[in-house]
PDB file of N, CA and C in Angstrom:
ATOM      1  N   MET A   1     -35.025 -56.723 -16.681  1.00  0.00           N
ATOM      2  CA  MET A   1     -36.522 -56.710 -17.030  1.00  0.00           C
ATOM      3  C   MET A   1     -37.165 -56.892 -15.737  1.00  0.00           C
ATOM      4  N   LYS A   2     -36.736 -57.897 -15.044  1.00  0.00           N
ATOM      5  CA  LYS A   2     -37.453 -58.119 -13.693  1.00  0.00           C
ATOM      6  C   LYS A   2     -37.424 -56.926 -12.652  1.00  0.00           C
ATOM      7  N   THR A   3     -36.188 -56.334 -12.957  1.00  0.00           N
ATOM      8  CA  THR A   3     -36.205 -55.211 -11.671  1.00  0.00           C
ATOM      9  C   THR A   3     -37.198 -54.133 -12.233  1.00  0.00           C
ATOM     10  N   LEU A   4     -37.202 -53.640 -13.632  1.00  0.00           N
ATOM     11  CA  LEU A   4     -38.105 -52.632 -13.995  1.00  0.00           C
ATOM     12  C   LEU A   4     -39.639 -53.154 -13.783  1.00  0.00           C
ATOM     13  N   LEU A   5     -39.843 -54.316 -13.660  1.00  0.00           N
ATOM     14  CA  LEU A   5     -41.340 -54.792 -13.534  1.00  0.00           C
ATOM     15  C   LEU A   5     -41.505 -54.796 -11.889  1.00  0.00           C
ATOM     16  N   GLY A   6     -40.346 -54.817 -11.029  1.00  0.00           N
ATOM     17  CA  GLY A   6     -40.452 -54.938  -9.615  1.00  0.00           C
ATOM     18  C   GLY A   6     -40.789 -53.420  -9.230  1.00  0.00           C
ATOM     19  N   ILE A   7     -39.902 -52.618 -10.054  1.00  0.00           N
ATOM     20  CA  ILE A   7     -39.946 -50.889  -9.606  1.00  0.00           C
ATOM     21  C   ILE A   7     -41.402 -50.422 -10.005  1.00  0.00           C
ATOM     22  N   ALA A   8     -42.027 -51.066 -11.183  1.00  0.00           N
ATOM     23  CA  ALA A   8     -43.419 -50.484 -11.535  1.00  0.00           C
ATOM     24  C   ALA A   8     -44.486 -51.133 -10.630  1.00  0.00           C
ATOM     25  N   PHE A   9     -44.398 -52.476  -9.943  1.00  0.00           N
ATOM     26  CA  PHE A   9     -45.253 -52.875  -9.175  1.00  0.00           C
ATOM     27  C   PHE A   9     -45.203 -52.064  -7.579  1.00  0.00           C
ATOM     28  N   ALA A  10     -43.802 -51.820  -7.567  1.00  0.00           N
ATOM     29  CA  ALA A  10     -43.777 -51.068  -6.136  1.00  0.00           C
ATOM     30  C   ALA A  10     -44.286 -49.598  -6.236  1.00  0.00           C
ATOM     31  N   ALA A  11     -44.158 -49.095  -7.480  1.00  0.00           N
ATOM     32  CA  ALA A  11     -44.855 -47.643  -7.649  1.00  0.00           C
ATOM     33  C   ALA A  11     -46.279 -47.719  -7.674  1.00  0.00           C
ATOM     34  N   ILE A  12     -46.915 -48.951  -8.128  1.00  0.00           N
ATOM     35  CA  ILE A  12     -48.360 -49.073  -8.222  1.00  0.00           C
ATOM     36  C   ILE A  12     -48.877 -49.057  -6.582  1.00  0.00           C
ATOM     37  N   ILE A  13     -47.999 -49.913  -5.998  1.00  0.00           N
ATOM     38  CA  ILE A  13     -48.475 -50.092  -4.558  1.00  0.00           C
ATOM     39  C   ILE A  13     -48.273 -48.819  -3.628  1.00  0.00           C
ATOM     40  N   LEU A  14     -47.158 -48.038  -3.975  1.00  0.00           N
ATOM     41  CA  LEU A  14     -47.124 -46.761  -3.347  1.00  0.00           C
ATOM     42  C   LEU A  14     -48.027 -45.900  -3.931  1.00  0.00           C
ATOM     43  N   SER A  15     -48.380 -45.673  -4.887  1.00  0.00           N
ATOM     44  CA  SER A  15     -49.518 -44.784  -5.213  1.00  0.00           C
ATOM     45  C   SER A  15     -50.805 -45.191  -4.658  1.00  0.00           C
ATOM     46  N   LEU A  16     -51.173 -46.569  -4.497  1.00  0.00           N
ATOM     47  CA  LEU A  16     -52.313 -46.989  -3.730  1.00  0.00           C
ATOM     48  C   LEU A  16     -52.349 -46.630  -2.241  1.00  0.00           C
ATOM     49  N   ILE A  17     -50.969 -46.582  -1.561  1.00  0.00           N
ATOM     50  CA  ILE A  17     -50.960 -46.319  -0.433  1.00  0.00           C
ATOM     51  C   ILE A  17     -51.022 -44.688  -0.232  1.00  0.00           C
ATOM     52  N   LEU A  18     -50.719 -44.006  -1.116  1.00  0.00           N
ATOM     53  CA  LEU A  18     -50.762 -42.454  -1.179  1.00  0.00           C
ATOM     54  C   LEU A  18     -52.573 -42.210  -1.172  1.00  0.00           C
ATOM     55  N   ALA A  19     -53.012 -42.854  -2.064  1.00  0.00           N
ATOM     56  CA  ALA A  19     -54.361 -42.667  -2.295  1.00  0.00           C
ATOM     57  C   ALA A  19     -55.221 -42.858  -0.873  1.00  0.00           C
ATOM     58  N   GLY A  20     -54.673 -43.883  -0.197  1.00  0.00           N
ATOM     59  CA  GLY A  20     -55.550 -44.110   1.035  1.00  0.00           C
ATOM     60  C   GLY A  20     -55.062 -42.861   1.956  1.00  0.00           C
ATOM     61  N   PHE A  21     -53.803 -42.583   2.019  1.00  0.00           N
ATOM     62  CA  PHE A  21     -53.522 -41.676   2.844  1.00  0.00           C
ATOM     63  C   PHE A  21     -54.131 -40.359   2.648  1.00  0.00           C
ATOM     64  N   PHE A  22     -54.496 -39.869   1.487  1.00  0.00           N
ATOM     65  CA  PHE A  22     -55.300 -38.949   1.086  1.00  0.00           C
ATOM     66  C   PHE A  22     -56.670 -38.918   1.524  1.00  0.00           C
ATOM     67  N   MET A  23     -57.336 -40.187   1.368  1.00  0.00           N
ATOM     68  CA  MET A  23     -58.503 -40.382   1.609  1.00  0.00           C
ATOM     69  C   MET A  23     -58.649 -40.143   3.283  1.00  0.00           C
ATOM     70  N   LEU A  24     -57.980 -40.672   3.759  1.00  0.00           N
ATOM     71  CA  LEU A  24     -57.905 -40.527   5.405  1.00  0.00           C
ATOM     72  C   LEU A  24     -57.753 -39.330   5.932  1.00  0.00           C
ATOM     73  N   LYS A  25     -56.960 -38.332   5.307  1.00  0.00           N
ATOM     74  CA  LYS A  25     -56.583 -37.072   5.781  1.00  0.00           C
ATOM     75  C   LYS A  25     -57.694 -35.938   5.597  1.00  0.00           C
ATOM     76  N   SER A  26     -58.243 -35.758   6.676  1.00  0.00           N
ATOM     77  CA  SER A  26     -59.412 -34.891   6.594  1.00  0.00           C
ATOM     78  C   SER A  26     -59.322 -33.421   6.706  1.00  0.00           C
ATOM     79  N   ASP A  27     -58.135 -32.937   7.068  1.00  0.00           N
ATOM     80  CA  ASP A  27     -57.821 -31.596   7.082  1.00  0.00           C
ATOM     81  C   ASP A  27     -57.393 -30.738   5.754  1.00  0.00           C
ATOM     82  N   SER A  28     -57.234 -31.354   4.870  1.00  0.00           N
ATOM     83  CA  SER A  28     -56.848 -30.775   3.591  1.00  0.00           C
ATOM     84  C   SER A  28     -58.230 -30.351   2.727  1.00  0.00           C
ATOM     85  N   LYS A  29     -58.213 -29.432   2.070  1.00  0.00           N
ATOM     86  CA  LYS A  29     -59.281 -29.081   1.273  1.00  0.00           C
ATOM     87  C   LYS A  29     -59.320 -29.655   0.048  1.00  0.00           C
ATOM     88  N   HIS A  30     -58.206 -30.046  -0.482  1.00  0.00           N
ATOM     89  CA  HIS A  30     -57.762 -30.496  -1.797  1.00  0.00           C
ATOM     90  C   HIS A  30     -57.701 -31.994  -1.666  1.00  0.00           C
ATOM     91  N   ARG A  31     -58.014 -32.999  -0.756  1.00  0.00           N
ATOM     92  CA  ARG A  31     -57.728 -34.364  -0.552  1.00  0.00           C
ATOM     93  C   ARG A  31     -58.478 -35.120  -1.849  1.00  0.00           C
ATOM     94  N   GLY A  32     -59.685 -34.803  -2.086  1.00  0.00           N
ATOM     95  CA  GLY A  32     -60.463 -35.470  -3.464  1.00  0.00           C
ATOM     96  C   GLY A  32     -59.329 -35.340  -4.372  1.00  0.00           C
ATOM     97  N   ARG A  33     -58.973 -34.247  -4.725  1.00  0.00           N
ATOM     98  CA  ARG A  33     -58.093 -34.221  -6.137  1.00  0.00           C
ATOM     99  C   ARG A  33     -56.774 -34.927  -5.964  1.00  0.00           C
ATOM    100  N   HIS A  34     -56.075 -35.059  -4.787  1.00  0.00           N
ATOM    101  CA  HIS A  34     -55.008 -35.505  -4.527  1.00  0.00           C
ATOM    102  C   HIS A  34     -55.135 -37.186  -4.795  1.00  0.00           C
ATOM    103  N   MET A  35     -56.292 -37.583  -3.999  1.00  0.00           N
ATOM    104  CA  MET A  35     -56.793 -38.876  -4.027  1.00  0.00           C
ATOM    105  C   MET A  35     -56.855 -39.611  -5.487  1.00  0.00           C
ATOM    106  N   ALA A  36     -57.549 -38.512  -6.276  1.00  0.00           N
ATOM    107  CA  ALA A  36     -57.944 -39.033  -7.540  1.00  0.00           C
ATOM    108  C   ALA A  36     -56.715 -38.903  -8.503  1.00  0.00           C
ATOM    109  N   ASN A  37     -55.784 -38.091  -8.110  1.00  0.00           N
ATOM    110  CA  ASN A  37     -54.493 -38.149  -8.945  1.00  0.00           C
ATOM    111  C   ASN A  37     -53.568 -39.354  -8.648  1.00  0.00           C
ATOM    112  N   ALA A  38     -53.807 -40.038  -7.382  1.00  0.00           N
ATOM    113  CA  ALA A  38     -52.855 -40.915  -6.900  1.00  0.00           C
ATOM    114  C   ALA A  38     -53.542 -42.269  -7.483  1.00  0.00           C
ATOM    115  N   LEU A  39     -54.800 -42.425  -7.762  1.00  0.00           N
ATOM    116  CA  LEU A  39     -55.627 -43.268  -8.147  1.00  0.00           C
ATOM    117  C   LEU A  39     -55.307 -43.448  -9.755  1.00  0.00           C
ATOM    118  N   THR A  40     -55.492 -42.326 -10.410  1.00  0.00           N
ATOM    119  CA  THR A  40     -55.040 -42.134 -11.804  1.00  0.00           C
ATOM    120  C   THR A  40     -53.803 -42.751 -12.259  1.00  0.00           C
ATOM    121  N   VAL A  41     -52.690 -42.354 -11.102  1.00  0.00           N
ATOM    122  CA  VAL A  41     -51.334 -42.933 -11.667  1.00  0.00           C
ATOM    123  C   VAL A  41     -51.096 -44.260 -11.473  1.00  0.00           C
ATOM    124  N   ARG A  42     -51.929 -44.789 -10.604  1.00  0.00           N
ATOM    125  CA  ARG A  42     -52.104 -46.395 -10.148  1.00  0.00           C
ATOM    126  C   ARG A  42     -52.566 -47.181 -11.577  1.00  0.00           C
ATOM    127  N   ILE A  43     -53.727 -46.506 -11.946  1.00  0.00           N
ATOM    128  CA  ILE A  43     -54.383 -47.106 -13.015  1.00  0.00           C
ATOM    129  C   ILE A  43     -53.485 -47.146 -14.383  1.00  0.00           C
ATOM    130  N   GLY A  44     -52.883 -46.021 -14.539  1.00  0.00           N
ATOM    131  CA  GLY A  44     -52.061 -45.781 -15.571  1.00  0.00           C
ATOM    132  C   GLY A  44     -50.818 -46.626 -15.565  1.00  0.00           C
ATOM    133  N   LEU A  45     -50.318 -46.719 -14.405  1.00  0.00           N
ATOM    134  CA  LEU A  45     -49.128 -47.709 -14.393  1.00  0.00           C
ATOM    135  C   LEU A  45     -49.405 -49.255 -14.523  1.00  0.00           C
ATOM    136  N   SER A  46     -50.751 -49.573 -13.945  1.00  0.00           N
ATOM    137  CA  SER A  46     -51.224 -50.979 -14.327  1.00  0.00           C
ATOM    138  C   SER A  46     -51.422 -51.141 -15.636  1.00  0.00           C
ATOM    139  N   VAL A  47     -52.037 -50.457 -16.334  1.00  0.00           N
ATOM    140  CA  VAL A  47     -52.247 -50.535 -17.863  1.00  0.00           C
ATOM    141  C   VAL A  47     -51.084 -50.504 -18.638  1.00  0.00           C
ATOM    142  N   LEU A  48     -49.939 -49.802 -18.271  1.00  0.00           N
ATOM    143  CA  LEU A  48     -48.645 -49.857 -18.794  1.00  0.00           C
ATOM    144  C   LEU A  48     -48.004 -51.010 -18.544  1.00  0.00           C
ATOM    145  N   VAL A  49     -48.022 -51.504 -17.359  1.00  0.00           N
ATOM    146  CA  VAL A  49     -47.259 -52.881 -16.966  1.00  0.00           C
ATOM    147  C   VAL A  49     -47.962 -54.145 -18.035  1.00  0.00           C
ATOM    148  N   PHE A  50     -49.392 -54.059 -17.900  1.00  0.00           N
ATOM    149  CA  PHE A  50     -50.199 -54.906 -18.724  1.00  0.00           C
ATOM    150  C   PHE A  50     -49.540 -54.932 -20.368  1.00  0.00           C
ATOM    151  N   VAL A  51     -49.756 -53.695 -20.837  1.00  0.00           N
ATOM    152  CA  VAL A  51     -49.203 -53.718 -22.187  1.00  0.00           C
ATOM    153  C   VAL A  51     -48.037 -54.103 -22.489  1.00  0.00           C
ATOM    154  N   VAL A  52     -47.046 -53.602 -21.479  1.00  0.00           N
ATOM    155  CA  VAL A  52     -45.617 -54.141 -21.712  1.00  0.00           C
ATOM    156  C   VAL A  52     -45.581 -55.505 -22.014  1.00  0.00           C
ATOM    157  N   LEU A  53     -46.095 -56.074 -20.802  1.00  0.00           N
ATOM    158  CA  LEU A  53     -46.167 -57.505 -20.811  1.00  0.00           C
ATOM    159  C   LEU A  53     -46.833 -58.271 -22.010  1.00  0.00           C
ATOM    160  N   MET A  54     -47.704 -57.792 -22.464  1.00  0.00           N
ATOM    161  CA  MET A  54     -48.346 -58.406 -23.700  1.00  0.00           C
ATOM    162  C   MET A  54     -47.477 -58.131 -24.931  1.00  0.00           C
ATOM    163  N   VAL A  55     -46.760 -56.946 -25.019  1.00  0.00           N
ATOM    164  CA  VAL A  55     -45.967 -56.686 -26.102  1.00  0.00           C
ATOM    165  C   VAL A  55     -44.601 -57.638 -26.069  1.00  0.00           C
ATOM    166  N   LEU A  56     -44.042 -57.904 -24.683  1.00  0.00           N
ATOM    167  CA  LEU A  56     -42.995 -58.664 -24.517  1.00  0.00           C
ATOM    168  C   LEU A  56     -43.181 -60.077 -24.997  1.00  0.00           C
ATOM    169  N   TRP A  57     -44.503 -60.376 -24.507  1.00  0.00           N
ATOM    170  CA  TRP A  57     -44.995 -61.828 -24.826  1.00  0.00           C
ATOM    171  C   TRP A  57     -45.085 -62.118 -26.175  1.00  0.00           C
ATOM    172  N   SER A  58     -45.771 -61.147 -26.940  1.00  0.00           N
ATOM    173  CA  SER A  58     -45.865 -61.218 -28.330  1.00  0.00           C
ATOM    174  C   SER A  58     -44.644 -61.360 -29.384  1.00  0.00           C
ATOM    175  N   LEU A  59     -43.742 -60.369 -28.614  1.00  0.00           N
ATOM    176  CA  LEU A  59     -42.299 -60.505 -29.399  1.00  0.00           C
ATOM    177  C   LEU A  59     -41.393 -61.500 -29.054  1.00  0.00           C
ATOM    178  N   GLY A  60     -42.004 -62.510 -28.029  1.00  0.00           N
ATOM    179  CA  GLY A  60     -41.173 -63.653 -27.655  1.00  0.00           C
ATOM    180  C   GLY A  60     -40.073 -63.538 -26.686  1.00  0.00           C
ATOM    181  N   TYR A  61     -40.022 -62.311 -26.119  1.00  0.00           N
ATOM    182  CA  TYR A  61     -39.078 -62.089 -24.841  1.00  0.00           C
ATOM    183  C   TYR A  61     -39.084 -62.885 -23.832  1.00  0.00           C
ATOM    184  N   ILE A  62     -40.557 -62.971 -23.387  1.00  0.00           N
ATOM    185  CA  ILE A  62     -41.092 -63.859 -22.265  1.00  0.00           C
ATOM    186  C   ILE A  62     -42.062 -65.051 -22.874  1.00  0.00           C
ATOM    187  N   ALA A  63     -42.119 -66.007 -21.955  1.00  0.00           N
ATOM    188  CA  ALA A  63     -43.078 -67.008 -22.537  1.00  0.00           C
ATOM    189  C   ALA A  63     -43.667 -67.367 -21.001  1.00  0.00           C
ATOM    190  N   PRO A  64     -45.096 -67.735 -21.209  1.00  0.00           N
ATOM    191  CA  PRO A  64     -45.863 -68.271 -20.053  1.00  0.00           C
ATOM    192  C   PRO A  64     -45.245 -69.753 -19.817  1.00  0.00           C
ATOM    193  N   THR A  65     -45.179 -70.218 -18.461  1.00  0.00           N
ATOM    194  CA  THR A  65     -44.788 -71.361 -18.282  1.00  0.00           C
ATOM    195  C   THR A  65     -45.741 -72.201 -17.634  1.00  0.00           C
ATOM    196  N   GLY A  66     -46.875 -71.473 -17.011  1.00  0.00           N
ATOM    197  CA  GLY A  66     -47.783 -72.099 -16.123  1.00  0.00           C
ATOM    198  C   GLY A  66     -47.311 -72.730 -14.910  1.00  0.00           C
ATOM    199  N   TYR A  67     -48.232 -73.180 -14.121  1.00  0.00           N
ATOM    200  CA  TYR A  67     -47.860 -73.905 -12.817  1.00  0.00           C
ATOM    201  C   TYR A  67     -47.111 -75.118 -13.164  1.00  0.00           C
ATOM    202  N   PHE A  68     -47.461 -75.915 -13.985  1.00  0.00           N
ATOM    203  CA  PHE A  68     -46.809 -77.249 -14.180  1.00  0.00           C
ATOM    204  C   PHE A  68     -45.694 -77.108 -15.433  1.00  0.00           C
ATOM    205  N   PRO A  69     -44.598 -77.611 -15.253  1.00  0.00           N
ATOM    206  CA  PRO A  69     -43.646 -77.629 -16.469  1.00  0.00           C
ATOM    207  C   PRO A  69     -44.516 -78.602 -17.687  1.00  0.00           C
ATOM    208  N   ALA A  70     -43.867 -78.298 -18.753  1.00  0.00           N
ATOM    209  CA  ALA A  70     -44.543 -79.082 -19.823  1.00  0.00           C
ATOM    210  C   ALA A  70     -44.105 -80.597 -19.755  1.00  0.00           C
ATOM    211  N   GLY A  71     -44.872 -81.473 -20.238  1.00  0.00           N
ATOM    212  CA  GLY A  71     -44.618 -82.934 -19.926  1.00  0.00           C
ATOM    213  C   GLY A  71     -45.224 -83.435 -18.514  1.00  0.00           C
ATOM    214  N   GLN A  72     -45.716 -82.786 -17.939  1.00  0.00           N
ATOM    215  CA  GLN A  72     -46.455 -83.208 -16.614  1.00  0.00           C
ATOM    216  C   GLN A  72     -47.928 -83.452 -16.762  1.00  0.00           C
TER     217      GLN A  72
END
């Protein structure tokens, strides 16, 4: 599970980097479309990770622990 979330976070960061690359690339006439697609992928992955975390929490597979352990 941690591996899949790590891969998802890496894909989110990669799509953000690609969007920045397409934004700075000035010689392409389709740069706006490529940048929008990369940002759409980033938003979609972010929402998917959030929904998966909420579903796993509601099913009891993961539990929030907070910064301090219980009893402190």
